[in-house]
Amino acid sequence: MCDTSRAVFLGELSLDGTLRHTPGVLPMVALAREKGFDTVFLPGVDAPEASLVDGLEIIPVDSLASLMAHLRGEPPLMSYKPDDTLGPAPESDLSHVRGQEHVRRALEVAAAGATMCS
């Protein structure tokens, strides 16, 4: 049997036993880390968003049956690992952003990784 004393379980259980997307995953996972939990089980579709919070093991779950099997020690569910092989983002052209210089500047600063100073 798997120890779940430091685990959080998130998701909406559908009538057919599958787990559905849960809105607000990011703040829930951040709170779980803040409260000292170290593992989060959640719907697979929410794993990329949840992985933005460092310091937690994110385990995507497709169905209640697969979760129960995992907890019984049967075929284990694998931890989510973000795909870093996507490479750099494509070039962007901001020529279509007109009349909103503050928006354009904010996008440029965010892309550069700098902070805006007043």
PDB file of N, CA and C in Angstrom:
ATOM      1  N   MET A   1       0.846  -1.180   0.000  1.00  0.00           N
ATOM      2  CA  MET A   1       0.000   0.000   0.000  1.00  0.00           C
ATOM      3  C   MET A   1       0.887   1.239   0.000  1.00  0.00           C
ATOM      4  N   CYS A   2       0.514   2.214  -0.779  1.00  0.00           N
ATOM      5  CA  CYS A   2       1.261   3.461  -0.939  1.00  0.00           C
ATOM      6  C   CYS A   2       0.933   4.415   0.209  1.00  0.00           C
ATOM      7  N   ASP A   3       1.968   5.104   0.737  1.00  0.00           N
ATOM      8  CA  ASP A   3       1.758   6.086   1.798  1.00  0.00           C
ATOM      9  C   ASP A   3       1.232   7.382   1.182  1.00  0.00           C
ATOM     10  N   THR A   4       0.053   7.808   1.608  1.00  0.00           N
ATOM     11  CA  THR A   4      -0.571   9.015   1.066  1.00  0.00           C
ATOM     12  C   THR A   4      -0.711  10.113   2.117  1.00  0.00           C
ATOM     13  N   SER A   5       0.034   9.998   3.210  1.00  0.00           N
ATOM     14  CA  SER A   5      -0.110  10.974   4.286  1.00  0.00           C
ATOM     15  C   SER A   5       0.365  12.373   3.887  1.00  0.00           C
ATOM     16  N   ARG A   6       1.238  12.467   2.894  1.00  0.00           N
ATOM     17  CA  ARG A   6       1.735  13.769   2.453  1.00  0.00           C
ATOM     18  C   ARG A   6       1.346  14.033   0.997  1.00  0.00           C
ATOM     19  N   ALA A   7       0.181  13.478   0.606  1.00  0.00           N
ATOM     20  CA  ALA A   7      -0.296  13.617  -0.770  1.00  0.00           C
ATOM     21  C   ALA A   7      -1.618  14.369  -0.809  1.00  0.00           C
ATOM     22  N   VAL A   8      -1.839  15.048  -1.921  1.00  0.00           N
ATOM     23  CA  VAL A   8      -3.085  15.756  -2.181  1.00  0.00           C
ATOM     24  C   VAL A   8      -3.704  15.136  -3.426  1.00  0.00           C
ATOM     25  N   PHE A   9      -5.017  14.979  -3.414  1.00  0.00           N
ATOM     26  CA  PHE A   9      -5.756  14.426  -4.540  1.00  0.00           C
ATOM     27  C   PHE A   9      -6.691  15.499  -5.076  1.00  0.00           C
ATOM     28  N   LEU A  10      -6.521  15.868  -6.345  1.00  0.00           N
ATOM     29  CA  LEU A  10      -7.332  16.900  -6.978  1.00  0.00           C
ATOM     30  C   LEU A  10      -7.998  16.333  -8.220  1.00  0.00           C
ATOM     31  N   GLY A  11      -9.169  16.829  -8.538  1.00  0.00           N
ATOM     32  CA  GLY A  11      -9.818  16.442  -9.785  1.00  0.00           C
ATOM     33  C   GLY A  11     -11.300  16.270  -9.631  1.00  0.00           C
ATOM     34  N   GLU A  12     -11.962  16.285 -10.753  1.00  0.00           N
ATOM     35  CA  GLU A  12     -13.396  16.039 -10.795  1.00  0.00           C
ATOM     36  C   GLU A  12     -13.594  14.626 -11.329  1.00  0.00           C
ATOM     37  N   LEU A  13     -14.286  13.816 -10.565  1.00  0.00           N
ATOM     38  CA  LEU A  13     -14.539  12.429 -10.957  1.00  0.00           C
ATOM     39  C   LEU A  13     -15.822  12.372 -11.774  1.00  0.00           C
ATOM     40  N   SER A  14     -15.719  11.901 -13.003  1.00  0.00           N
ATOM     41  CA  SER A  14     -16.909  11.781 -13.842  1.00  0.00           C
ATOM     42  C   SER A  14     -17.616  10.469 -13.535  1.00  0.00           C
ATOM     43  N   LEU A  15     -18.820  10.311 -14.043  1.00  0.00           N
ATOM     44  CA  LEU A  15     -19.617   9.119 -13.758  1.00  0.00           C
ATOM     45  C   LEU A  15     -18.999   7.844 -14.323  1.00  0.00           C
ATOM     46  N   ASP A  16     -18.171   7.970 -15.351  1.00  0.00           N
ATOM     47  CA  ASP A  16     -17.545   6.771 -15.916  1.00  0.00           C
ATOM     48  C   ASP A  16     -16.200   6.453 -15.258  1.00  0.00           C
ATOM     49  N   GLY A  17     -15.829   7.204 -14.226  1.00  0.00           N
ATOM     50  CA  GLY A  17     -14.610   6.900 -13.477  1.00  0.00           C
ATOM     51  C   GLY A  17     -13.374   7.629 -13.943  1.00  0.00           C
ATOM     52  N   THR A  18     -13.485   8.431 -14.989  1.00  0.00           N
ATOM     53  CA  THR A  18     -12.321   9.192 -15.448  1.00  0.00           C
ATOM     54  C   THR A  18     -12.234  10.510 -14.676  1.00  0.00           C
ATOM     55  N   LEU A  19     -11.034  11.069 -14.660  1.00  0.00           N
ATOM     56  CA  LEU A  19     -10.832  12.352 -13.991  1.00  0.00           C
ATOM     57  C   LEU A  19     -10.844  13.456 -15.030  1.00  0.00           C
ATOM     58  N   ARG A  20     -11.560  14.529 -14.720  1.00  0.00           N
ATOM     59  CA  ARG A  20     -11.701  15.663 -15.634  1.00  0.00           C
ATOM     60  C   ARG A  20     -10.854  16.844 -15.169  1.00  0.00           C
ATOM     61  N   HIS A  21     -10.650  17.757 -16.078  1.00  0.00           N
ATOM     62  CA  HIS A  21      -9.935  19.011 -15.793  1.00  0.00           C
ATOM     63  C   HIS A  21     -10.552  19.694 -14.581  1.00  0.00           C
ATOM     64  N   THR A  22      -9.698  20.257 -13.753  1.00  0.00           N
ATOM     65  CA  THR A  22     -10.140  20.987 -12.574  1.00  0.00           C
ATOM     66  C   THR A  22      -9.657  22.424 -12.675  1.00  0.00           C
ATOM     67  N   PRO A  23     -10.570  23.394 -12.694  1.00  0.00           N
ATOM     68  CA  PRO A  23     -10.133  24.797 -12.738  1.00  0.00           C
ATOM     69  C   PRO A  23      -9.426  25.200 -11.443  1.00  0.00           C
ATOM     70  N   GLY A  24      -8.447  26.082 -11.558  1.00  0.00           N
ATOM     71  CA  GLY A  24      -7.753  26.589 -10.382  1.00  0.00           C
ATOM     72  C   GLY A  24      -6.681  25.665  -9.838  1.00  0.00           C
ATOM     73  N   VAL A  25      -6.110  24.831 -10.675  1.00  0.00           N
ATOM     74  CA  VAL A  25      -5.103  23.874 -10.230  1.00  0.00           C
ATOM     75  C   VAL A  25      -3.852  24.569  -9.692  1.00  0.00           C
ATOM     76  N   LEU A  26      -3.402  25.597 -10.364  1.00  0.00           N
ATOM     77  CA  LEU A  26      -2.149  26.247  -9.969  1.00  0.00           C
ATOM     78  C   LEU A  26      -2.191  26.768  -8.530  1.00  0.00           C
ATOM     79  N   PRO A  27      -3.204  27.530  -8.127  1.00  0.00           N
ATOM     80  CA  PRO A  27      -3.211  27.976  -6.734  1.00  0.00           C
ATOM     81  C   PRO A  27      -3.395  26.835  -5.728  1.00  0.00           C
ATOM     82  N   MET A  28      -4.144  25.810  -6.110  1.00  0.00           N
ATOM     83  CA  MET A  28      -4.315  24.673  -5.193  1.00  0.00           C
ATOM     84  C   MET A  28      -3.001  23.928  -4.976  1.00  0.00           C
ATOM     85  N   VAL A  29      -2.244  23.751  -6.046  1.00  0.00           N
ATOM     86  CA  VAL A  29      -0.968  23.051  -5.942  1.00  0.00           C
ATOM     87  C   VAL A  29       0.040  23.908  -5.169  1.00  0.00           C
ATOM     88  N   ALA A  30       0.027  25.209  -5.393  1.00  0.00           N
ATOM     89  CA  ALA A  30       0.923  26.100  -4.642  1.00  0.00           C
ATOM     90  C   ALA A  30       0.596  26.048  -3.154  1.00  0.00           C
ATOM     91  N   LEU A  31      -0.668  26.013  -2.804  1.00  0.00           N
ATOM     92  CA  LEU A  31      -1.070  25.915  -1.405  1.00  0.00           C
ATOM     93  C   LEU A  31      -0.662  24.574  -0.807  1.00  0.00           C
ATOM     94  N   ALA A  32      -0.772  23.507  -1.596  1.00  0.00           N
ATOM     95  CA  ALA A  32      -0.353  22.189  -1.120  1.00  0.00           C
ATOM     96  C   ALA A  32       1.131  22.197  -0.759  1.00  0.00           C
ATOM     97  N   ARG A  33       1.941  22.822  -1.598  1.00  0.00           N
ATOM     98  CA  ARG A  33       3.378  22.922  -1.293  1.00  0.00           C
ATOM     99  C   ARG A  33       3.600  23.749  -0.032  1.00  0.00           C
ATOM    100  N   GLU A  34       2.884  24.860   0.070  1.00  0.00           N
ATOM    101  CA  GLU A  34       3.008  25.735   1.240  1.00  0.00           C
ATOM    102  C   GLU A  34       2.637  25.006   2.535  1.00  0.00           C
ATOM    103  N   LYS A  35       1.676  24.095   2.458  1.00  0.00           N
ATOM    104  CA  LYS A  35       1.220  23.350   3.637  1.00  0.00           C
ATOM    105  C   LYS A  35       2.062  22.108   3.927  1.00  0.00           C
ATOM    106  N   GLY A  36       3.094  21.869   3.127  1.00  0.00           N
ATOM    107  CA  GLY A  36       4.027  20.788   3.413  1.00  0.00           C
ATOM    108  C   GLY A  36       3.763  19.476   2.708  1.00  0.00           C
ATOM    109  N   PHE A  37       2.845  19.450   1.772  1.00  0.00           N
ATOM    110  CA  PHE A  37       2.615  18.223   1.000  1.00  0.00           C
ATOM    111  C   PHE A  37       3.719  18.072  -0.031  1.00  0.00           C
ATOM    112  N   ASP A  38       3.989  16.833  -0.440  1.00  0.00           N
ATOM    113  CA  ASP A  38       5.058  16.639  -1.417  1.00  0.00           C
ATOM    114  C   ASP A  38       4.628  15.911  -2.685  1.00  0.00           C
ATOM    115  N   THR A  39       3.395  15.411  -2.731  1.00  0.00           N
ATOM    116  CA  THR A  39       2.903  14.688  -3.898  1.00  0.00           C
ATOM    117  C   THR A  39       1.497  15.172  -4.225  1.00  0.00           C
ATOM    118  N   VAL A  40       1.229  15.354  -5.522  1.00  0.00           N
ATOM    119  CA  VAL A  40      -0.104  15.756  -5.962  1.00  0.00           C
ATOM    120  C   VAL A  40      -0.564  14.796  -7.054  1.00  0.00           C
ATOM    121  N   PHE A  41      -1.712  14.171  -6.824  1.00  0.00           N
ATOM    122  CA  PHE A  41      -2.363  13.327  -7.823  1.00  0.00           C
ATOM    123  C   PHE A  41      -3.472  14.183  -8.442  1.00  0.00           C
ATOM    124  N   LEU A  42      -3.503  14.274  -9.771  1.00  0.00           N
ATOM    125  CA  LEU A  42      -4.513  15.093 -10.435  1.00  0.00           C
ATOM    126  C   LEU A  42      -4.747  14.611 -11.852  1.00  0.00           C
ATOM    127  N   PRO A  43      -5.792  15.123 -12.519  1.00  0.00           N
ATOM    128  CA  PRO A  43      -6.051  14.707 -13.902  1.00  0.00           C
ATOM    129  C   PRO A  43      -4.850  14.973 -14.795  1.00  0.00           C
ATOM    130  N   GLY A  44      -4.600  14.069 -15.709  1.00  0.00           N
ATOM    131  CA  GLY A  44      -3.455  14.193 -16.600  1.00  0.00           C
ATOM    132  C   GLY A  44      -3.419  15.498 -17.365  1.00  0.00           C
ATOM    133  N   VAL A  45      -4.564  16.002 -17.760  1.00  0.00           N
ATOM    134  CA  VAL A  45      -4.626  17.239 -18.524  1.00  0.00           C
ATOM    135  C   VAL A  45      -4.140  18.434 -17.697  1.00  0.00           C
ATOM    136  N   ASP A  46      -4.176  18.336 -16.377  1.00  0.00           N
ATOM    137  CA  ASP A  46      -3.750  19.424 -15.502  1.00  0.00           C
ATOM    138  C   ASP A  46      -2.285  19.328 -15.074  1.00  0.00           C
ATOM    139  N   ALA A  47      -1.611  18.262 -15.434  1.00  0.00           N
ATOM    140  CA  ALA A  47      -0.224  18.052 -15.007  1.00  0.00           C
ATOM    141  C   ALA A  47       0.734  19.143 -15.495  1.00  0.00           C
ATOM    142  N   PRO A  48       0.660  19.593 -16.753  1.00  0.00           N
ATOM    143  CA  PRO A  48       1.597  20.643 -17.177  1.00  0.00           C
ATOM    144  C   PRO A  48       1.463  21.920 -16.344  1.00  0.00           C
ATOM    145  N   GLU A  49       0.235  22.318 -16.041  1.00  0.00           N
ATOM    146  CA  GLU A  49       0.023  23.520 -15.232  1.00  0.00           C
ATOM    147  C   GLU A  49       0.543  23.310 -13.811  1.00  0.00           C
ATOM    148  N   ALA A  50       0.251  22.162 -13.225  1.00  0.00           N
ATOM    149  CA  ALA A  50       0.677  21.878 -11.851  1.00  0.00           C
ATOM    150  C   ALA A  50       2.195  21.809 -11.746  1.00  0.00           C
ATOM    151  N   SER A  51       2.866  21.388 -12.805  1.00  0.00           N
ATOM    152  CA  SER A  51       4.327  21.251 -12.764  1.00  0.00           C
ATOM    153  C   SER A  51       5.040  22.594 -12.712  1.00  0.00           C
ATOM    154  N   LEU A  52       4.317  23.681 -12.873  1.00  0.00           N
ATOM    155  CA  LEU A  52       4.930  25.001 -12.757  1.00  0.00           C
ATOM    156  C   LEU A  52       5.324  25.312 -11.321  1.00  0.00           C
ATOM    157  N   VAL A  53       4.762  24.595 -10.368  1.00  0.00           N
ATOM    158  CA  VAL A  53       5.104  24.760  -8.958  1.00  0.00           C
ATOM    159  C   VAL A  53       6.236  23.793  -8.640  1.00  0.00           C
ATOM    160  N   ASP A  54       7.382  24.328  -8.258  1.00  0.00           N
ATOM    161  CA  ASP A  54       8.551  23.501  -7.954  1.00  0.00           C
ATOM    162  C   ASP A  54       8.399  22.817  -6.598  1.00  0.00           C
ATOM    163  N   GLY A  55       9.117  21.712  -6.436  1.00  0.00           N
ATOM    164  CA  GLY A  55       9.201  21.062  -5.140  1.00  0.00           C
ATOM    165  C   GLY A  55       8.128  20.043  -4.867  1.00  0.00           C
ATOM    166  N   LEU A  56       7.337  19.667  -5.875  1.00  0.00           N
ATOM    167  CA  LEU A  56       6.292  18.677  -5.696  1.00  0.00           C
ATOM    168  C   LEU A  56       6.413  17.583  -6.748  1.00  0.00           C
ATOM    169  N   GLU A  57       6.048  16.392  -6.363  1.00  0.00           N
ATOM    170  CA  GLU A  57       5.939  15.311  -7.342  1.00  0.00           C
ATOM    171  C   GLU A  57       4.521  15.364  -7.894  1.00  0.00           C
ATOM    172  N   ILE A  58       4.406  15.528  -9.191  1.00  0.00           N
ATOM    173  CA  ILE A  58       3.111  15.613  -9.862  1.00  0.00           C
ATOM    174  C   ILE A  58       2.840  14.272 -10.530  1.00  0.00           C
ATOM    175  N   ILE A  59       1.725  13.642 -10.159  1.00  0.00           N
ATOM    176  CA  ILE A  59       1.378  12.346 -10.731  1.00  0.00           C
ATOM    177  C   ILE A  59       0.047  12.466 -11.463  1.00  0.00           C
ATOM    178  N   PRO A  60       0.085  12.401 -12.810  1.00  0.00           N
ATOM    179  CA  PRO A  60      -1.154  12.478 -13.577  1.00  0.00           C
ATOM    180  C   PRO A  60      -1.946  11.179 -13.468  1.00  0.00           C
ATOM    181  N   VAL A  61      -3.259  11.324 -13.328  1.00  0.00           N
ATOM    182  CA  VAL A  61      -4.154  10.174 -13.170  1.00  0.00           C
ATOM    183  C   VAL A  61      -5.260  10.280 -14.212  1.00  0.00           C
ATOM    184  N   ASP A  62      -5.502   9.183 -14.937  1.00  0.00           N
ATOM    185  CA  ASP A  62      -6.559   9.184 -15.949  1.00  0.00           C
ATOM    186  C   ASP A  62      -7.902   8.727 -15.394  1.00  0.00           C
ATOM    187  N   SER A  63      -7.865   7.794 -14.440  1.00  0.00           N
ATOM    188  CA  SER A  63      -9.119   7.247 -13.923  1.00  0.00           C
ATOM    189  C   SER A  63      -8.970   6.830 -12.475  1.00  0.00           C
ATOM    190  N   LEU A  64     -10.097   6.688 -11.809  1.00  0.00           N
ATOM    191  CA  LEU A  64     -10.103   6.224 -10.436  1.00  0.00           C
ATOM    192  C   LEU A  64      -9.527   4.809 -10.348  1.00  0.00           C
ATOM    193  N   ALA A  65      -9.809   3.984 -11.347  1.00  0.00           N
ATOM    194  CA  ALA A  65      -9.291   2.614 -11.360  1.00  0.00           C
ATOM    195  C   ALA A  65      -7.768   2.597 -11.400  1.00  0.00           C
ATOM    196  N   SER A  66      -7.164   3.450 -12.230  1.00  0.00           N
ATOM    197  CA  SER A  66      -5.691   3.474 -12.303  1.00  0.00           C
ATOM    198  C   SER A  66      -5.087   4.007 -11.008  1.00  0.00           C
ATOM    199  N   LEU A  67      -5.764   4.961 -10.366  1.00  0.00           N
ATOM    200  CA  LEU A  67      -5.284   5.471  -9.084  1.00  0.00           C
ATOM    201  C   LEU A  67      -5.333   4.384  -8.020  1.00  0.00           C
ATOM    202  N   MET A  68      -6.428   3.659  -7.954  1.00  0.00           N
ATOM    203  CA  MET A  68      -6.563   2.588  -6.960  1.00  0.00           C
ATOM    204  C   MET A  68      -5.514   1.498  -7.192  1.00  0.00           C
ATOM    205  N   ALA A  69      -5.268   1.162  -8.457  1.00  0.00           N
ATOM    206  CA  ALA A  69      -4.240   0.165  -8.766  1.00  0.00           C
ATOM    207  C   ALA A  69      -2.875   0.660  -8.287  1.00  0.00           C
ATOM    208  N   HIS A  70      -2.580   1.914  -8.521  1.00  0.00           N
ATOM    209  CA  HIS A  70      -1.309   2.502  -8.084  1.00  0.00           C
ATOM    210  C   HIS A  70      -1.181   2.422  -6.568  1.00  0.00           C
ATOM    211  N   LEU A  71      -2.231   2.783  -5.868  1.00  0.00           N
ATOM    212  CA  LEU A  71      -2.191   2.790  -4.407  1.00  0.00           C
ATOM    213  C   LEU A  71      -2.067   1.385  -3.822  1.00  0.00           C
ATOM    214  N   ARG A  72      -2.532   0.376  -4.567  1.00  0.00           N
ATOM    215  CA  ARG A  72      -2.390  -1.025  -4.137  1.00  0.00           C
ATOM    216  C   ARG A  72      -1.014  -1.590  -4.490  1.00  0.00           C
ATOM    217  N   GLY A  73      -0.206  -0.816  -5.205  1.00  0.00           N
ATOM    218  CA  GLY A  73       1.124  -1.278  -5.579  1.00  0.00           C
ATOM    219  C   GLY A  73       1.167  -2.010  -6.898  1.00  0.00           C
ATOM    220  N   GLU A  74       0.084  -2.002  -7.634  1.00  0.00           N
ATOM    221  CA  GLU A  74       0.048  -2.614  -8.959  1.00  0.00           C
ATOM    222  C   GLU A  74       0.723  -1.656  -9.930  1.00  0.00           C
ATOM    223  N   PRO A  75       0.474  -1.736 -11.201  1.00  0.00           N
ATOM    224  CA  PRO A  75       1.232  -0.882 -12.126  1.00  0.00           C
ATOM    225  C   PRO A  75       1.296   0.567 -11.635  1.00  0.00           C
ATOM    226  N   PRO A  76       2.505   1.026 -11.313  1.00  0.00           N
ATOM    227  CA  PRO A  76       2.627   2.374 -10.747  1.00  0.00           C
ATOM    228  C   PRO A  76       2.386   3.453 -11.799  1.00  0.00           C
ATOM    229  N   LEU A  77       1.824   4.550 -11.344  1.00  0.00           N
ATOM    230  CA  LEU A  77       1.671   5.722 -12.196  1.00  0.00           C
ATOM    231  C   LEU A  77       2.998   6.460 -12.212  1.00  0.00           C
ATOM    232  N   MET A  78       3.355   6.996 -13.333  1.00  0.00           N
ATOM    233  CA  MET A  78       4.629   7.690 -13.477  1.00  0.00           C
ATOM    234  C   MET A  78       4.471   9.170 -13.165  1.00  0.00           C
ATOM    235  N   SER A  79       5.499   9.756 -12.557  1.00  0.00           N
ATOM    236  CA  SER A  79       5.511  11.194 -12.282  1.00  0.00           C
ATOM    237  C   SER A  79       5.571  11.965 -13.587  1.00  0.00           C
ATOM    238  N   TYR A  80       4.968  13.147 -13.585  1.00  0.00           N
ATOM    239  CA  TYR A  80       4.978  14.003 -14.759  1.00  0.00           C
ATOM    240  C   TYR A  80       6.314  14.733 -14.859  1.00  0.00           C
ATOM    241  N   LYS A  81       6.897  14.704 -16.021  1.00  0.00           N
ATOM    242  CA  LYS A  81       8.124  15.453 -16.317  1.00  0.00           C
ATOM    243  C   LYS A  81       7.833  16.352 -17.515  1.00  0.00           C
ATOM    244  N   PRO A  82       7.996  17.666 -17.356  1.00  0.00           N
ATOM    245  CA  PRO A  82       7.733  18.571 -18.476  1.00  0.00           C
ATOM    246  C   PRO A  82       8.623  18.255 -19.667  1.00  0.00           C
ATOM    247  N   ASP A  83       8.100  18.457 -20.864  1.00  0.00           N
ATOM    248  CA  ASP A  83       8.838  18.207 -22.096  1.00  0.00           C
ATOM    249  C   ASP A  83       9.658  19.438 -22.438  1.00  0.00           C
ATOM    250  N   ASP A  84      10.966  19.366 -22.204  1.00  0.00           N
ATOM    251  CA  ASP A  84      11.859  20.488 -22.488  1.00  0.00           C
ATOM    252  C   ASP A  84      12.460  20.409 -23.883  1.00  0.00           C
ATOM    253  N   THR A  85      12.001  19.486 -24.700  1.00  0.00           N
ATOM    254  CA  THR A  85      12.592  19.296 -26.021  1.00  0.00           C
ATOM    255  C   THR A  85      11.879  20.106 -27.099  1.00  0.00           C
ATOM    256  N   LEU A  86      10.988  21.002 -26.706  1.00  0.00           N
ATOM    257  CA  LEU A  86      10.227  21.756 -27.699  1.00  0.00           C
ATOM    258  C   LEU A  86      11.067  22.803 -28.415  1.00  0.00           C
ATOM    259  N   GLY A  87      12.170  23.216 -27.824  1.00  0.00           N
ATOM    260  CA  GLY A  87      13.030  24.195 -28.463  1.00  0.00           C
ATOM    261  C   GLY A  87      12.528  25.603 -28.258  1.00  0.00           C
ATOM    262  N   PRO A  88      13.206  26.561 -28.879  1.00  0.00           N
ATOM    263  CA  PRO A  88      12.828  27.965 -28.685  1.00  0.00           C
ATOM    264  C   PRO A  88      11.487  28.288 -29.332  1.00  0.00           C
ATOM    265  N   ALA A  89      10.836  29.308 -28.809  1.00  0.00           N
ATOM    266  CA  ALA A  89       9.571  29.762 -29.371  1.00  0.00           C
ATOM    267  C   ALA A  89       9.812  30.387 -30.736  1.00  0.00           C
ATOM    268  N   PRO A  90       8.830  30.304 -31.629  1.00  0.00           N
ATOM    269  CA  PRO A  90       9.002  30.925 -32.944  1.00  0.00           C
ATOM    270  C   PRO A  90       9.103  32.438 -32.830  1.00  0.00           C
ATOM    271  N   GLU A  91       9.710  33.049 -33.834  1.00  0.00           N
ATOM    272  CA  GLU A  91       9.844  34.504 -33.859  1.00  0.00           C
ATOM    273  C   GLU A  91       8.459  35.141 -33.851  1.00  0.00           C
ATOM    274  N   SER A  92       8.320  36.235 -33.120  1.00  0.00           N
ATOM    275  CA  SER A  92       7.043  36.940 -33.048  1.00  0.00           C
ATOM    276  C   SER A  92       7.184  38.313 -33.671  1.00  0.00           C
ATOM    277  N   ASP A  93       6.139  38.733 -34.315  1.00  0.00           N
ATOM    278  CA  ASP A  93       6.096  40.057 -34.920  1.00  0.00           C
ATOM    279  C   ASP A  93       4.993  40.839 -34.224  1.00  0.00           C
ATOM    280  N   LEU A  94       5.341  41.926 -33.568  1.00  0.00           N
ATOM    281  CA  LEU A  94       4.373  42.728 -32.832  1.00  0.00           C
ATOM    282  C   LEU A  94       3.822  43.875 -33.664  1.00  0.00           C
ATOM    283  N   SER A  95       3.966  43.801 -34.982  1.00  0.00           N
ATOM    284  CA  SER A  95       3.494  44.896 -35.824  1.00  0.00           C
ATOM    285  C   SER A  95       1.977  45.042 -35.771  1.00  0.00           C
ATOM    286  N   HIS A  96       1.263  43.992 -35.403  1.00  0.00           N
ATOM    287  CA  HIS A  96      -0.193  44.071 -35.334  1.00  0.00           C
ATOM    288  C   HIS A  96      -0.694  44.706 -34.029  1.00  0.00           C
ATOM    289  N   VAL A  97       0.211  44.937 -33.071  1.00  0.00           N
ATOM    290  CA  VAL A  97      -0.168  45.606 -31.822  1.00  0.00           C
ATOM    291  C   VAL A  97      -0.013  47.102 -32.055  1.00  0.00           C
ATOM    292  N   ARG A  98      -1.144  47.776 -32.316  1.00  0.00           N
ATOM    293  CA  ARG A  98      -1.112  49.203 -32.642  1.00  0.00           C
ATOM    294  C   ARG A  98      -1.937  49.991 -31.645  1.00  0.00           C
ATOM    295  N   GLY A  99      -1.445  51.163 -31.297  1.00  0.00           N
ATOM    296  CA  GLY A  99      -2.195  52.050 -30.420  1.00  0.00           C
ATOM    297  C   GLY A  99      -2.192  51.625 -28.967  1.00  0.00           C
ATOM    298  N   GLN A 100      -1.411  50.631 -28.639  1.00  0.00           N
ATOM    299  CA  GLN A 100      -1.338  50.155 -27.264  1.00  0.00           C
ATOM    300  C   GLN A 100       0.131  49.945 -26.903  1.00  0.00           C
ATOM    301  N   GLU A 101       0.866  51.036 -26.891  1.00  0.00           N
ATOM    302  CA  GLU A 101       2.303  50.953 -26.654  1.00  0.00           C
ATOM    303  C   GLU A 101       2.635  50.337 -25.301  1.00  0.00           C
ATOM    304  N   HIS A 102       1.789  50.577 -24.285  1.00  0.00           N
ATOM    305  CA  HIS A 102       2.048  49.991 -22.965  1.00  0.00           C
ATOM    306  C   HIS A 102       1.950  48.461 -23.015  1.00  0.00           C
ATOM    307  N   VAL A 103       1.037  47.944 -23.829  1.00  0.00           N
ATOM    308  CA  VAL A 103       0.904  46.493 -23.979  1.00  0.00           C
ATOM    309  C   VAL A 103       2.115  45.938 -24.713  1.00  0.00           C
ATOM    310  N   ARG A 104       2.507  46.603 -25.773  1.00  0.00           N
ATOM    311  CA  ARG A 104       3.666  46.166 -26.544  1.00  0.00           C
ATOM    312  C   ARG A 104       4.928  46.164 -25.671  1.00  0.00           C
ATOM    313  N   ARG A 105       5.107  47.229 -24.897  1.00  0.00           N
ATOM    314  CA  ARG A 105       6.271  47.325 -24.013  1.00  0.00           C
ATOM    315  C   ARG A 105       6.255  46.211 -22.965  1.00  0.00           C
ATOM    316  N   ALA A 106       5.099  45.942 -22.399  1.00  0.00           N
ATOM    317  CA  ALA A 106       4.985  44.875 -21.398  1.00  0.00           C
ATOM    318  C   ALA A 106       5.341  43.521 -22.007  1.00  0.00           C
ATOM    319  N   LEU A 107       4.899  43.268 -23.228  1.00  0.00           N
ATOM    320  CA  LEU A 107       5.239  42.012 -23.904  1.00  0.00           C
ATOM    321  C   LEU A 107       6.737  41.902 -24.162  1.00  0.00           C
ATOM    322  N   GLU A 108       7.348  42.990 -24.584  1.00  0.00           N
ATOM    323  CA  GLU A 108       8.790  42.991 -24.841  1.00  0.00           C
ATOM    324  C   GLU A 108       9.590  42.765 -23.572  1.00  0.00           C
ATOM    325  N   VAL A 109       9.173  43.422 -22.495  1.00  0.00           N
ATOM    326  CA  VAL A 109       9.881  43.274 -21.210  1.00  0.00           C
ATOM    327  C   VAL A 109       9.710  41.846 -20.698  1.00  0.00           C
ATOM    328  N   ALA A 110       8.491  41.311 -20.777  1.00  0.00           N
ATOM    329  CA  ALA A 110       8.248  39.944 -20.305  1.00  0.00           C
ATOM    330  C   ALA A 110       9.067  38.945 -21.117  1.00  0.00           C
ATOM    331  N   ALA A 111       9.148  39.132 -22.410  1.00  0.00           N
ATOM    332  CA  ALA A 111       9.914  38.221 -23.261  1.00  0.00           C
ATOM    333  C   ALA A 111      11.407  38.294 -22.954  1.00  0.00           C
ATOM    334  N   ALA A 112      11.881  39.483 -22.595  1.00  0.00           N
ATOM    335  CA  ALA A 112      13.290  39.659 -22.295  1.00  0.00           C
ATOM    336  C   ALA A 112      13.650  39.161 -20.897  1.00  0.00           C
ATOM    337  N   GLY A 113      12.627  38.980 -20.050  1.00  0.00           N
ATOM    338  CA  GLY A 113      12.875  38.502 -18.706  1.00  0.00           C
ATOM    339  C   GLY A 113      13.286  39.599 -17.742  1.00  0.00           C
ATOM    340  N   ALA A 114      13.104  40.832 -18.132  1.00  0.00           N
ATOM    341  CA  ALA A 114      13.465  41.965 -17.278  1.00  0.00           C
ATOM    342  C   ALA A 114      12.256  42.418 -16.487  1.00  0.00           C
ATOM    343  N   THR A 115      12.460  43.361 -15.607  1.00  0.00           N
ATOM    344  CA  THR A 115      11.356  43.923 -14.859  1.00  0.00           C
ATOM    345  C   THR A 115      11.167  45.362 -15.282  1.00  0.00           C
ATOM    346  N   MET A 116       9.946  45.831 -15.187  1.00  0.00           N
ATOM    347  CA  MET A 116       9.651  47.213 -15.560  1.00  0.00           C
ATOM    348  C   MET A 116       9.895  48.117 -14.363  1.00  0.00           C
ATOM    349  N   CYS A 117      10.552  49.215 -14.598  1.00  0.00           N
ATOM    350  CA  CYS A 117      10.789  50.211 -13.551  1.00  0.00           C
ATOM    351  C   CYS A 117       9.966  51.443 -13.877  1.00  0.00           C
ATOM    352  N   SER A 118       9.407  52.099 -12.851  1.00  0.00           N
ATOM    353  CA  SER A 118       8.617  53.290 -13.113  1.00  0.00           C
ATOM    354  C   SER A 118       9.493  54.489 -13.314  1.00  0.00           C
TER     355      SER A 118
END
